[in-house]
C-alpha atoms as a PDB file:
ATOM      1  CA  MET A   1      -0.011   0.008  -0.055  1.00  0.00           C
ATOM      2  CA  THR A   2       1.145   3.552  -0.542  1.00  0.00           C
ATOM      3  CA  ASP A   3       0.085   6.763   1.012  1.00  0.00           C
ATOM      4  CA  LEU A   4       2.537   9.416  -0.057  1.00  0.00           C
ATOM      5  CA  ALA A   5       0.822  12.086   1.942  1.00  0.00           C
ATOM      6  CA  GLN A   6       1.752  10.244   5.079  1.00  0.00           C
ATOM      7  CA  GLY A   7       5.088   9.371   3.885  1.00  0.00           C
ATOM      8  CA  THR A   8       4.367   5.617   3.959  1.00  0.00           C
ATOM      9  CA  CYS A   9       5.100   3.159   1.103  1.00  0.00           C
ATOM     10  CA  ILE A  10       4.445  -0.619   1.720  1.00  0.00           C
ATOM     11  CA  ALA A  11       5.730  -3.379  -0.561  1.00  0.00           C
ATOM     12  CA  GLY A  12       4.510  -7.002  -0.760  1.00  0.00           C
ATOM     13  CA  VAL A  13       7.273  -9.555  -1.448  1.00  0.00           C
ATOM     14  CA  ASP A  14       7.061 -13.263  -2.227  1.00  0.00           C
ATOM     15  CA  GLU A  15       9.148 -15.823  -4.119  1.00  0.00           C
ATOM     16  CA  VAL A  16       8.537 -18.938  -6.185  1.00  0.00           C
ATOM     17  CA  GLY A  17      10.643 -21.949  -7.220  1.00  0.00           C
ATOM     18  CA  ARG A  18      12.240 -22.922  -3.778  1.00  0.00           C
ATOM     19  CA  GLY A  19      11.302 -26.594  -4.224  1.00  0.00           C
ATOM     20  CA  ALA A  20      12.236 -27.016  -7.892  1.00  0.00           C
ATOM     21  CA  LEU A  21      15.072 -29.123  -9.217  1.00  0.00           C
ATOM     22  CA  PHE A  22      15.866 -26.854 -12.163  1.00  0.00           C
ATOM     23  CA  GLY A  23      16.252 -23.196 -12.687  1.00  0.00           C
ATOM     24  CA  PRO A  24      16.569 -19.986 -10.663  1.00  0.00           C
ATOM     25  CA  VAL A  25      14.426 -19.056  -7.711  1.00  0.00           C
ATOM     26  CA  VAL A  26      12.341 -15.829  -8.567  1.00  0.00           C
ATOM     27  CA  ALA A  27      10.910 -13.192  -6.348  1.00  0.00           C
ATOM     28  CA  ALA A  28       8.657 -10.250  -6.951  1.00  0.00           C
ATOM     29  CA  ALA A  29       8.086  -7.022  -5.033  1.00  0.00           C
ATOM     30  CA  VAL A  30       4.894  -5.090  -5.436  1.00  0.00           C
ATOM     31  CA  ILE A  31       3.658  -1.660  -4.360  1.00  0.00           C
ATOM     32  CA  LEU A  32      -0.086  -1.004  -4.536  1.00  0.00           C
ATOM     33  CA  SER A  33      -2.239   1.943  -3.684  1.00  0.00           C
ATOM     34  CA  ASP A  34      -5.259   1.238  -1.503  1.00  0.00           C
ATOM     35  CA  ALA A  35      -7.480   1.711  -4.629  1.00  0.00           C
ATOM     36  CA  SER A  36      -5.434  -0.600  -6.756  1.00  0.00           C
ATOM     37  CA  ALA A  37      -5.531  -3.285  -4.020  1.00  0.00           C
ATOM     38  CA  CYS A  38      -9.315  -3.102  -3.940  1.00  0.00           C
ATOM     39  CA  GLU A  39      -9.544  -3.469  -7.649  1.00  0.00           C
ATOM     40  CA  LEU A  40      -7.190  -6.348  -7.705  1.00  0.00           C
ATOM     41  CA  ILE A  41      -9.147  -8.207  -4.987  1.00  0.00           C
ATOM     42  CA  SER A  42     -12.253  -7.687  -7.010  1.00  0.00           C
ATOM     43  CA  LEU A  43     -10.426  -9.436  -9.902  1.00  0.00           C
ATOM     44  CA  GLY A  44      -9.738 -12.438  -7.750  1.00  0.00           C
ATOM     45  CA  VAL A  45      -6.153 -11.802  -6.665  1.00  0.00           C
ATOM     46  CA  ARG A  46      -5.084 -14.517  -4.147  1.00  0.00           C
ATOM     47  CA  ASP A  47      -2.237 -16.941  -3.551  1.00  0.00           C
ATOM     48  CA  SER A  48      -0.863 -17.904  -7.031  1.00  0.00           C
ATOM     49  CA  LYS A  49      -1.187 -21.623  -6.317  1.00  0.00           C
ATOM     50  CA  GLN A  50      -4.981 -21.139  -5.997  1.00  0.00           C
ATOM     51  CA  LEU A  51      -5.249 -19.837  -9.570  1.00  0.00           C
ATOM     52  CA  SER A  52      -5.149 -21.607 -12.959  1.00  0.00           C
ATOM     53  CA  PRO A  53      -2.261 -20.728 -15.226  1.00  0.00           C
ATOM     54  CA  VAL A  54      -4.556 -18.761 -17.631  1.00  0.00           C
ATOM     55  CA  ARG A  55      -6.101 -16.838 -14.711  1.00  0.00           C
ATOM     56  CA  ARG A  56      -2.616 -15.954 -13.341  1.00  0.00           C
ATOM     57  CA  GLN A  57      -1.612 -14.622 -16.780  1.00  0.00           C
ATOM     58  CA  VAL A  58      -4.664 -12.317 -17.027  1.00  0.00           C
ATOM     59  CA  ILE A  59      -4.213 -11.103 -13.465  1.00  0.00           C
ATOM     60  CA  ALA A  60      -0.505 -10.566 -13.889  1.00  0.00           C
ATOM     61  CA  VAL A  61      -1.294  -8.134 -16.680  1.00  0.00           C
ATOM     62  CA  ALA A  62      -3.673  -6.121 -14.334  1.00  0.00           C
ATOM     63  CA  ILE A  63      -1.125  -6.112 -11.534  1.00  0.00           C
ATOM     64  CA  ARG A  64       1.480  -4.468 -13.912  1.00  0.00           C
ATOM     65  CA  GLN A  65      -1.025  -1.923 -14.988  1.00  0.00           C
ATOM     66  CA  LEU A  66      -2.383  -1.083 -11.617  1.00  0.00           C
ATOM     67  CA  ALA A  67       0.768  -1.293  -9.320  1.00  0.00           C
ATOM     68  CA  ALA A  68       2.640   1.827  -8.263  1.00  0.00           C
ATOM     69  CA  ASP A  69       5.768  -0.286  -9.128  1.00  0.00           C
ATOM     70  CA  CYS A  70       6.516  -4.009  -9.491  1.00  0.00           C
ATOM     71  CA  ARG A  71       9.900  -5.580  -9.864  1.00  0.00           C
ATOM     72  CA  ILE A  72      11.393  -9.124 -10.284  1.00  0.00           C
ATOM     73  CA  GLY A  73      14.565 -10.463  -8.730  1.00  0.00           C
ATOM     74  CA  LEU A  74      16.153 -13.758  -9.083  1.00  0.00           C
ATOM     75  CA  ALA A  75      19.030 -15.996  -7.825  1.00  0.00           C
ATOM     76  CA  SER A  76      20.772 -18.280 -10.315  1.00  0.00           C
ATOM     77  CA  VAL A  77      21.317 -22.005  -9.938  1.00  0.00           C
ATOM     78  CA  ARG A  78      24.921 -21.389  -9.245  1.00  0.00           C
ATOM     79  CA  GLU A  79      23.815 -18.963  -6.356  1.00  0.00           C
ATOM     80  CA  ILE A  80      21.505 -21.653  -5.083  1.00  0.00           C
ATOM     81  CA  ASP A  81      24.265 -24.225  -4.952  1.00  0.00           C
ATOM     82  CA  ARG A  82      26.685 -21.855  -3.398  1.00  0.00           C
ATOM     83  CA  LEU A  83      24.500 -20.272  -0.668  1.00  0.00           C
ATOM     84  CA  ASN A  84      21.649 -22.831  -0.262  1.00  0.00           C
ATOM     85  CA  ILE A  85      18.050 -22.407  -1.327  1.00  0.00           C
ATOM     86  CA  LEU A  86      16.785 -20.443   1.659  1.00  0.00           C
ATOM     87  CA  GLN A  87      19.558 -17.794   1.384  1.00  0.00           C
ATOM     88  CA  ALA A  88      19.242 -17.584  -2.351  1.00  0.00           C
ATOM     89  CA  SER A  89      15.478 -17.001  -2.027  1.00  0.00           C
ATOM     90  CA  LEU A  90      16.043 -14.205   0.385  1.00  0.00           C
ATOM     91  CA  LEU A  91      18.619 -12.745  -1.922  1.00  0.00           C
ATOM     92  CA  ALA A  92      16.196 -12.876  -4.816  1.00  0.00           C
ATOM     93  CA  MET A  93      13.724 -10.916  -2.604  1.00  0.00           C
ATOM     94  CA  LYS A  94      16.296  -8.330  -1.754  1.00  0.00           C
ATOM     95  CA  ARG A  95      17.105  -7.837  -5.426  1.00  0.00           C
ATOM     96  CA  ALA A  96      13.450  -7.265  -6.219  1.00  0.00           C
ATOM     97  CA  ILE A  97      12.942  -4.774  -3.434  1.00  0.00           C
ATOM     98  CA  LEU A  98      16.066  -2.730  -4.189  1.00  0.00           C
ATOM     99  CA  GLN A  99      14.743  -2.041  -7.606  1.00  0.00           C
ATOM    100  CA  LEU A 100      11.404  -0.508  -6.482  1.00  0.00           C
ATOM    101  CA  ALA A 101      10.865   3.299  -7.021  1.00  0.00           C
ATOM    102  CA  PRO A 102       9.959   4.812  -4.857  1.00  0.00           C
ATOM    103  CA  ALA A 103      11.823   2.730  -2.254  1.00  0.00           C
ATOM    104  CA  PRO A 104       9.291   1.317   0.171  1.00  0.00           C
ATOM    105  CA  THR A 105       9.318   2.219   3.770  1.00  0.00           C
ATOM    106  CA  LEU A 106       8.092  -1.122   4.944  1.00  0.00           C
ATOM    107  CA  CYS A 107       8.266  -4.610   3.213  1.00  0.00           C
ATOM    108  CA  LEU A 108       5.848  -7.280   3.951  1.00  0.00           C
ATOM    109  CA  ILE A 109       7.720 -10.605   3.465  1.00  0.00           C
ATOM    110  CA  ASP A 110       5.844 -13.813   2.894  1.00  0.00           C
ATOM    111  CA  GLY A 111       7.036 -16.587   5.294  1.00  0.00           C
ATOM    112  CA  ASN A 112       8.847 -16.407   8.577  1.00  0.00           C
ATOM    113  CA  GLN A 113      12.375 -15.548   7.396  1.00  0.00           C
ATOM    114  CA  ARG A 114      13.605 -11.805   7.305  1.00  0.00           C
ATOM    115  CA  VAL A 115      15.650 -10.575   4.480  1.00  0.00           C
ATOM    116  CA  PRO A 116      19.186  -9.921   5.552  1.00  0.00           C
ATOM    117  CA  ASN A 117      20.635  -6.389   5.328  1.00  0.00           C
ATOM    118  CA  LEU A 118      17.555  -4.771   3.948  1.00  0.00           C
ATOM    119  CA  PRO A 119      17.886  -0.883   4.240  1.00  0.00           C
ATOM    120  CA  MET A 120      14.168  -0.505   5.328  1.00  0.00           C
ATOM    121  CA  SER A 121      11.689  -1.949   7.858  1.00  0.00           C
ATOM    122  CA  GLN A 122      10.358  -5.359   7.223  1.00  0.00           C
ATOM    123  CA  GLN A 123       7.632  -7.736   8.540  1.00  0.00           C
ATOM    124  CA  THR A 124       7.211 -11.300   8.011  1.00  0.00           C
ATOM    125  CA  ILE A 125       3.898 -12.832   7.565  1.00  0.00           C
ATOM    126  CA  VAL A 126       3.396 -16.584   7.570  1.00  0.00           C
ATOM    127  CA  LYS A 127       0.983 -17.413   4.657  1.00  0.00           C
ATOM    128  CA  GLY A 128       1.125 -13.750   3.700  1.00  0.00           C
ATOM    129  CA  ASP A 129      -0.038 -14.538   0.124  1.00  0.00           C
ATOM    130  CA  GLN A 130      -3.462 -15.477   1.690  1.00  0.00           C
ATOM    131  CA  GLN A 131      -3.636 -12.454   3.804  1.00  0.00           C
ATOM    132  CA  ASN A 132      -2.237  -9.495   2.038  1.00  0.00           C
ATOM    133  CA  CYS A 133      -3.109  -8.280  -1.479  1.00  0.00           C
ATOM    134  CA  ALA A 134       0.320  -6.972  -2.294  1.00  0.00           C
ATOM    135  CA  ILE A 135       2.012 -10.233  -1.303  1.00  0.00           C
ATOM    136  CA  ALA A 136      -0.493 -12.277  -3.271  1.00  0.00           C
ATOM    137  CA  ALA A 137       0.147  -9.976  -6.304  1.00  0.00           C
ATOM    138  CA  ALA A 138       3.883 -10.631  -5.816  1.00  0.00           C
ATOM    139  CA  SER A 139       3.371 -14.392  -5.772  1.00  0.00           C
ATOM    140  CA  ILE A 140       1.415 -14.161  -9.046  1.00  0.00           C
ATOM    141  CA  LEU A 141       4.020 -12.094 -10.739  1.00  0.00           C
ATOM    142  CA  ALA A 142       6.837 -14.183  -9.634  1.00  0.00           C
ATOM    143  CA  LYS A 143       5.000 -17.401 -10.649  1.00  0.00           C
ATOM    144  CA  VAL A 144       4.047 -16.113 -14.164  1.00  0.00           C
ATOM    145  CA  TRP A 145       7.654 -14.809 -14.720  1.00  0.00           C
ATOM    146  CA  ARG A 146       9.342 -17.936 -13.587  1.00  0.00           C
ATOM    147  CA  ASP A 147       6.912 -20.343 -15.527  1.00  0.00           C
ATOM    148  CA  THR A 148       7.432 -18.307 -18.722  1.00  0.00           C
ATOM    149  CA  LEU A 149      11.225 -18.628 -18.213  1.00  0.00           C
ATOM    150  CA  ILE A 150      11.236 -22.314 -17.625  1.00  0.00           C
ATOM    151  CA  THR A 151       8.941 -22.873 -20.607  1.00  0.00           C
ATOM    152  CA  ARG A 152      11.406 -21.100 -22.790  1.00  0.00           C
ATOM    153  CA  LEU A 153      14.232 -23.139 -21.250  1.00  0.00           C
ATOM    154  CA  ASP A 154      12.441 -26.337 -22.248  1.00  0.00           C
ATOM    155  CA  GLY A 155      13.556 -25.605 -25.730  1.00  0.00           C
ATOM    156  CA  ARG A 156      17.280 -25.318 -24.739  1.00  0.00           C
ATOM    157  CA  TYR A 157      17.143 -28.370 -22.452  1.00  0.00           C
ATOM    158  CA  PRO A 158      14.729 -30.832 -24.071  1.00  0.00           C
ATOM    159  CA  GLY A 159      13.863 -34.068 -22.522  1.00  0.00           C
ATOM    160  CA  TYR A 160      13.035 -33.243 -18.965  1.00  0.00           C
ATOM    161  CA  ASP A 161       9.324 -32.200 -19.555  1.00  0.00           C
ATOM    162  CA  LEU A 162      10.043 -28.739 -18.319  1.00  0.00           C
ATOM    163  CA  ALA A 163       7.060 -27.061 -20.025  1.00  0.00           C
ATOM    164  CA  ALA A 164       4.772 -29.216 -17.968  1.00  0.00           C
ATOM    165  CA  ASN A 165       6.595 -29.575 -14.662  1.00  0.00           C
ATOM    166  CA  LYS A 166       8.179 -26.037 -14.537  1.00  0.00           C
ATOM    167  CA  GLY A 167      11.355 -27.646 -13.091  1.00  0.00           C
ATOM    168  CA  TYR A 168       9.772 -29.411 -10.181  1.00  0.00           C
ATOM    169  CA  GLY A 169      10.393 -33.134  -9.599  1.00  0.00           C
ATOM    170  CA  SER A 170       7.682 -34.785 -11.424  1.00  0.00           C
ATOM    171  CA  LEU A 171       7.942 -38.449 -12.274  1.00  0.00           C
ATOM    172  CA  LYS A 172       8.806 -37.670 -15.919  1.00  0.00           C
ATOM    173  CA  HIS A 173      11.438 -35.205 -14.718  1.00  0.00           C
ATOM    174  CA  ARG A 174      13.055 -37.690 -12.458  1.00  0.00           C
ATOM    175  CA  GLN A 175      12.879 -40.340 -15.079  1.00  0.00           C
ATOM    176  CA  ALA A 176      14.602 -37.893 -17.492  1.00  0.00           C
ATOM    177  CA  LEU A 177      17.272 -37.139 -14.947  1.00  0.00           C
ATOM    178  CA  ALA A 178      17.986 -40.830 -14.608  1.00  0.00           C
ATOM    179  CA  MET A 179      18.391 -41.211 -18.401  1.00  0.00           C
ATOM    180  CA  LEU A 180      19.982 -37.901 -19.240  1.00  0.00           C
ATOM    181  CA  GLY A 181      21.678 -36.776 -16.101  1.00  0.00           C
ATOM    182  CA  PRO A 182      21.488 -33.120 -14.846  1.00  0.00           C
ATOM    183  CA  SER A 183      21.715 -30.157 -17.211  1.00  0.00           C
ATOM    184  CA  PRO A 184      23.812 -26.992 -16.381  1.00  0.00           C
ATOM    185  CA  GLN A 185      20.502 -25.451 -14.942  1.00  0.00           C
ATOM    186  CA  HIS A 186      19.817 -28.255 -12.442  1.00  0.00           C
ATOM    187  CA  ARG A 187      20.516 -27.664  -8.790  1.00  0.00           C
ATOM    188  CA  LEU A 188      23.299 -29.959  -7.880  1.00  0.00           C
ATOM    189  CA  SER A 189      23.055 -29.004  -4.261  1.00  0.00           C
ATOM    190  CA  PHE A 190      19.703 -30.883  -4.196  1.00  0.00           C
ATOM    191  CA  ARG A 191      19.855 -34.545  -3.503  1.00  0.00           C
ATOM    192  CA  THR A 192      17.967 -35.604  -6.403  1.00  0.00           C
ATOM    193  CA  CYS A 193      20.258 -33.861  -8.776  1.00  0.00           C
ATOM    194  CA  GLN A 194      23.318 -35.241  -6.923  1.00  0.00           C
ATOM    195  CA  VAL A 195      22.009 -38.776  -7.218  1.00  0.00           C
ATOM    196  CA  ALA A 196      21.299 -38.140 -11.018  1.00  0.00           C
ATOM    197  CA  ALA A 197      24.813 -37.167 -11.523  1.00  0.00           C
ATOM    198  CA  ALA A 198      26.604 -39.925  -9.447  1.00  0.00           C
ATOM    199  CA  ALA A 199      24.253 -42.941  -9.507  1.00  0.00           C
ATOM    200  CA  PRO A 200      21.294 -42.263 -11.857  1.00  0.00           C
ATOM    201  CA  LYS A 201      19.913 -45.831 -11.321  1.00  0.00           C
ATOM    202  CA  GLN A 202      19.171 -45.086  -7.722  1.00  0.00           C
ATOM    203  CA  LEU A 203      17.287 -41.892  -8.599  1.00  0.00           C
ATOM    204  CA  LEU A 204      13.889 -43.420  -9.044  1.00  0.00           C
ATOM    205  CA  LEU A 205      14.049 -45.033  -5.565  1.00  0.00           C
ATOM    206  CA  LEU A 206      14.129 -41.561  -3.858  1.00  0.00           C
ATOM    207  CA  PRO A 207      10.871 -40.249  -2.518  1.00  0.00           C
ATOM    208  CA  LYS A 208       9.275 -37.592  -4.823  1.00  0.00           C
ATOM    209  CA  ASN A 209       9.837 -34.691  -2.394  1.00  0.00           C
ATOM    210  CA  ASP A 210      13.461 -35.675  -1.539  1.00  0.00           C
ATOM    211  CA  HIS A 211      15.473 -32.711  -2.902  1.00  0.00           C
END
């Protein structure tokens, strides 16, 4: 929310892709006026996971049109492997926030982890994408942006069914990892990708959610 008369400017921040095996983690930061937030709520803005892909695309266009500002930040696969996925996610959030203009006076961060070294106030909100319109809008923008990227990368790294699974560990994805091994965009700090590189025949024995 933004109220320039009172000197307050609040950004909602969320990320997507933490659990994926492939590709960067992506964050978005969104500043909304009260009027824009009300309009987006009437359009059905909510946690991105509760919306169909087509509906997310439509609402993402409205968010870009109505937001006072909205920005994307990401952390690469190399940064994920070097820092760990949590720290890379927080880095992606920070990168999105620092691009905003005007700079927010307060950031509402989805989850329970604070963004390190942020030069403004912040508040964490568990399940914030279900409670705050700006956070929900950020979750939608980040999801649409990342899904578009992964779909495009499916052409560069064929065989992993990326256009369908968006980099997450579906059965087809894990089967492809067992056959093809990991690509340069797979997260080698995740156990599934480590096994694919070292002992691919063991990969299909891992539980689906074992990263």
